């Protein structure tokens, strides 16, 4: 009986020492905030139309200062279902490496023009026209151009972001 009484007193003392946890605000630690090195999002400003027929909005990035990468590549996936020549295994492009200056900013217009041109070429080849869903993510610059899904996930530097853009196929009359 004395052991039970001592155990209940110790338990009561433990609970009394915890205080009122309901009044303390929840805080996210810095380690939990940066699960991946880069956070990317699309800019809300209207993008300048690209002559390729595809205009992906500008990309804004913020980096974890302790995990900066000076060069990165970008994987762009698009949904080409419903097009005349859909090739499900080839609905993505891995861009050439580009410079990522600083820990925050926008990707350069030159980089965005290259992305727009390369993705537009693939969409032209598939006779796409109209709205197209696009997903993209930053990956390490050491990725191979024909990387597998596993390699893309292993080298990913950001979460996937998605948007829907309008593609104006310059050769739509031939499709």
Protein backbone atom coordinates (compact mmCIF):
# COMPACT_ATOMS: atom_id res chain seq x y z
CA UNK A 1 0.00 0.00 0.00
CA UNK A 2 2.87 2.39 0.72
CA UNK A 3 4.32 1.77 -2.73
CA UNK A 4 0.98 2.65 -4.33
CA UNK A 5 0.71 5.83 -2.26
CA UNK A 6 4.27 6.87 -3.15
CA UNK A 7 3.65 6.16 -6.84
CA UNK A 8 0.47 8.25 -6.87
CA UNK A 9 2.22 11.15 -5.08
CA UNK A 10 5.10 11.06 -7.59
CA UNK A 11 2.61 11.00 -10.49
CA UNK A 12 0.64 13.90 -9.02
CA UNK A 13 3.88 15.85 -8.48
CA UNK A 14 4.89 15.20 -12.07
CA UNK A 15 1.58 16.46 -13.43
CA UNK A 16 1.60 19.51 -11.17
CA UNK A 17 5.05 20.44 -12.45
CA UNK A 18 3.93 20.56 -16.07
CA UNK A 19 2.05 23.85 -15.67
CA UNK A 20 -0.73 25.00 -17.96
CA UNK A 21 0.25 24.02 -21.50
CA UNK A 22 -2.93 25.44 -23.03
CA UNK A 23 -1.74 29.06 -22.77
CA UNK A 24 1.61 28.58 -24.51
CA UNK A 25 1.55 29.30 -28.28
CA UNK A 26 2.78 26.58 -30.60
CA UNK A 27 6.17 27.37 -32.12
CA UNK A 28 7.75 25.78 -35.17
CA UNK A 29 11.44 25.18 -34.85
CA UNK A 30 13.80 26.39 -37.55
CA UNK A 31 14.73 22.79 -38.36
CA UNK A 32 11.12 21.90 -39.13
CA UNK A 33 10.70 24.95 -41.38
CA UNK A 34 13.40 23.88 -43.86
CA UNK A 35 12.75 20.29 -44.85
CA UNK A 36 14.06 21.04 -48.33
CA UNK A 37 16.64 23.65 -49.37
CA UNK A 38 14.37 25.82 -51.56
CA UNK A 39 10.81 27.10 -51.38
CA UNK A 40 9.52 28.16 -54.80
CA UNK A 41 6.29 29.78 -55.94
CA UNK A 42 4.92 31.50 -59.01
CA UNK A 43 4.93 35.29 -59.16
CA UNK A 44 1.45 36.82 -59.17
CA UNK A 45 2.39 39.59 -61.60
CA UNK A 46 1.27 39.17 -65.19
CA UNK A 47 4.10 37.62 -67.20
CA UNK A 48 5.32 39.12 -70.47
CA UNK A 49 4.00 36.98 -73.35
CA UNK A 50 6.62 34.71 -74.83
CA UNK A 51 6.89 34.31 -78.63
CA UNK A 52 6.99 30.51 -78.23
CA UNK A 53 3.26 30.55 -77.39
CA UNK A 54 3.79 29.46 -73.77
CA UNK A 55 4.27 31.82 -70.85
CA UNK A 56 4.99 30.21 -67.49
CA UNK A 57 4.79 32.79 -64.68
CA UNK A 58 8.06 33.95 -63.15
CA UNK A 59 9.40 31.86 -60.28
CA UNK A 60 10.24 33.35 -56.89
CA UNK A 61 12.55 31.35 -54.64
CA UNK A 62 13.67 31.46 -51.02
CA UNK A 63 16.53 29.29 -49.82
CA UNK A 64 17.63 27.82 -46.55
CA UNK A 65 20.79 29.86 -45.86
CA UNK A 66 22.57 26.73 -44.58
CA UNK A 67 21.83 24.67 -47.70
CA UNK A 68 22.42 27.08 -50.59
CA UNK A 69 23.08 25.67 -54.05
CA UNK A 70 24.76 27.98 -56.56
CA UNK A 71 23.50 26.02 -59.56
CA UNK A 72 20.34 24.03 -60.03
CA UNK A 73 18.25 22.45 -62.75
CA UNK A 74 14.51 22.39 -63.14
CA UNK A 75 12.18 19.50 -63.91
CA UNK A 76 9.03 20.56 -65.75
CA UNK A 77 6.15 18.12 -66.17
CA UNK A 78 3.07 18.81 -68.21
CA UNK A 79 -0.24 17.08 -68.70
CA UNK A 80 -0.66 16.30 -72.39
CA UNK A 81 -3.66 14.00 -72.06
CA UNK A 82 -6.18 14.66 -74.74
CA UNK A 83 -3.60 15.75 -77.30
CA UNK A 84 -3.31 13.95 -80.61
CA UNK A 85 0.15 12.55 -79.93
CA UNK A 86 0.31 12.05 -76.17
CA UNK A 87 3.47 10.23 -75.04
CA UNK A 88 3.01 9.65 -71.28
CA UNK A 89 6.62 8.65 -70.64
CA UNK A 90 7.93 11.80 -72.26
CA UNK A 91 5.77 14.49 -70.68
CA UNK A 92 8.61 16.08 -68.77
CA UNK A 93 11.79 17.95 -69.50
CA UNK A 94 14.89 18.40 -67.34
CA UNK A 95 16.38 21.80 -68.03
CA UNK A 96 20.08 22.58 -68.28
CA UNK A 97 21.65 23.89 -65.06
CA UNK A 98 21.23 27.59 -64.31
CA UNK A 99 22.68 29.97 -61.72
CA UNK A 100 20.73 30.60 -58.51
CA UNK A 101 22.02 33.93 -57.20
CA UNK A 102 21.63 34.56 -53.47
CA UNK A 103 19.23 33.08 -50.98
CA UNK A 104 16.10 34.76 -52.35
CA UNK A 105 14.87 36.35 -55.56
CA UNK A 106 13.36 35.64 -58.96
CA UNK A 107 14.74 33.41 -61.68
CA UNK A 108 16.14 35.48 -64.52
CA UNK A 109 14.02 36.24 -67.55
CA UNK A 110 16.60 34.42 -69.71
CA UNK A 111 16.09 31.24 -67.67
CA UNK A 112 12.30 31.55 -67.90
CA UNK A 113 12.52 32.13 -71.67
CA UNK A 114 14.56 28.92 -72.04
CA UNK A 115 12.00 26.98 -69.98
CA UNK A 116 9.10 28.41 -72.01
CA UNK A 117 10.82 27.59 -75.30
CA UNK A 118 11.79 24.03 -74.42
CA UNK A 119 8.37 23.11 -72.99
CA UNK A 120 6.59 24.84 -75.90
CA UNK A 121 8.58 22.73 -78.38
CA UNK A 122 7.39 19.54 -76.68
CA UNK A 123 3.81 20.81 -76.67
CA UNK A 124 4.03 21.65 -80.38
CA UNK A 125 5.27 18.11 -81.07
CA UNK A 126 2.18 16.74 -79.27
CA UNK A 127 -0.20 19.10 -81.10
CA UNK A 128 -1.35 20.64 -77.81
CA UNK A 129 -3.37 23.82 -77.77
CA UNK A 130 -5.24 25.65 -75.01
CA UNK A 131 -4.92 25.10 -71.26
CA UNK A 132 -2.04 22.94 -70.04
CA UNK A 133 -1.29 21.88 -66.47
CA UNK A 134 2.37 22.29 -65.55
CA UNK A 135 4.29 21.07 -62.48
CA UNK A 136 7.87 22.03 -61.77
CA UNK A 137 10.56 21.63 -59.14
CA UNK A 138 14.21 22.53 -58.60
CA UNK A 139 16.72 19.66 -58.61
CA UNK A 140 20.49 19.46 -58.17
CA UNK A 141 22.45 20.45 -61.25
CA UNK A 142 24.16 17.03 -61.33
CA UNK A 143 20.96 15.31 -62.51
CA UNK A 144 21.05 13.39 -65.78
CA UNK A 145 18.83 14.61 -68.65
CA UNK A 146 17.03 11.25 -68.72
CA UNK A 147 16.75 10.79 -64.95
CA UNK A 148 14.32 8.31 -63.46
CA UNK A 149 11.61 9.21 -60.97
CA UNK A 150 13.77 7.88 -58.12
CA UNK A 151 16.74 10.04 -59.14
CA UNK A 152 14.53 13.11 -59.47
CA UNK A 153 13.16 12.56 -55.96
CA UNK A 154 16.65 11.96 -54.56
CA UNK A 155 18.02 15.18 -56.07
CA UNK A 156 14.97 17.40 -55.53
CA UNK A 157 15.72 20.78 -53.93
CA UNK A 158 12.13 22.09 -53.71
CA UNK A 159 8.56 20.96 -53.49
CA UNK A 160 6.55 20.59 -56.68
CA UNK A 161 4.47 23.61 -57.65
CA UNK A 162 1.76 23.59 -60.27
CA UNK A 163 -0.16 25.99 -62.44
CA UNK A 164 -2.35 26.00 -65.50
CA UNK A 165 -1.19 28.06 -68.47
CA UNK A 166 -2.60 28.76 -71.89
CA UNK A 167 -0.55 27.44 -74.80
CA UNK A 168 -1.11 29.05 -78.19
CA UNK A 169 0.30 26.54 -80.64
CA UNK A 170 1.88 28.41 -83.59
CA UNK A 171 1.31 25.33 -85.79
CA UNK A 172 -2.22 24.50 -84.64
CA UNK A 173 -3.50 24.45 -88.24
CA UNK A 174 -1.18 21.51 -89.05
CA UNK A 175 -2.43 19.36 -86.18
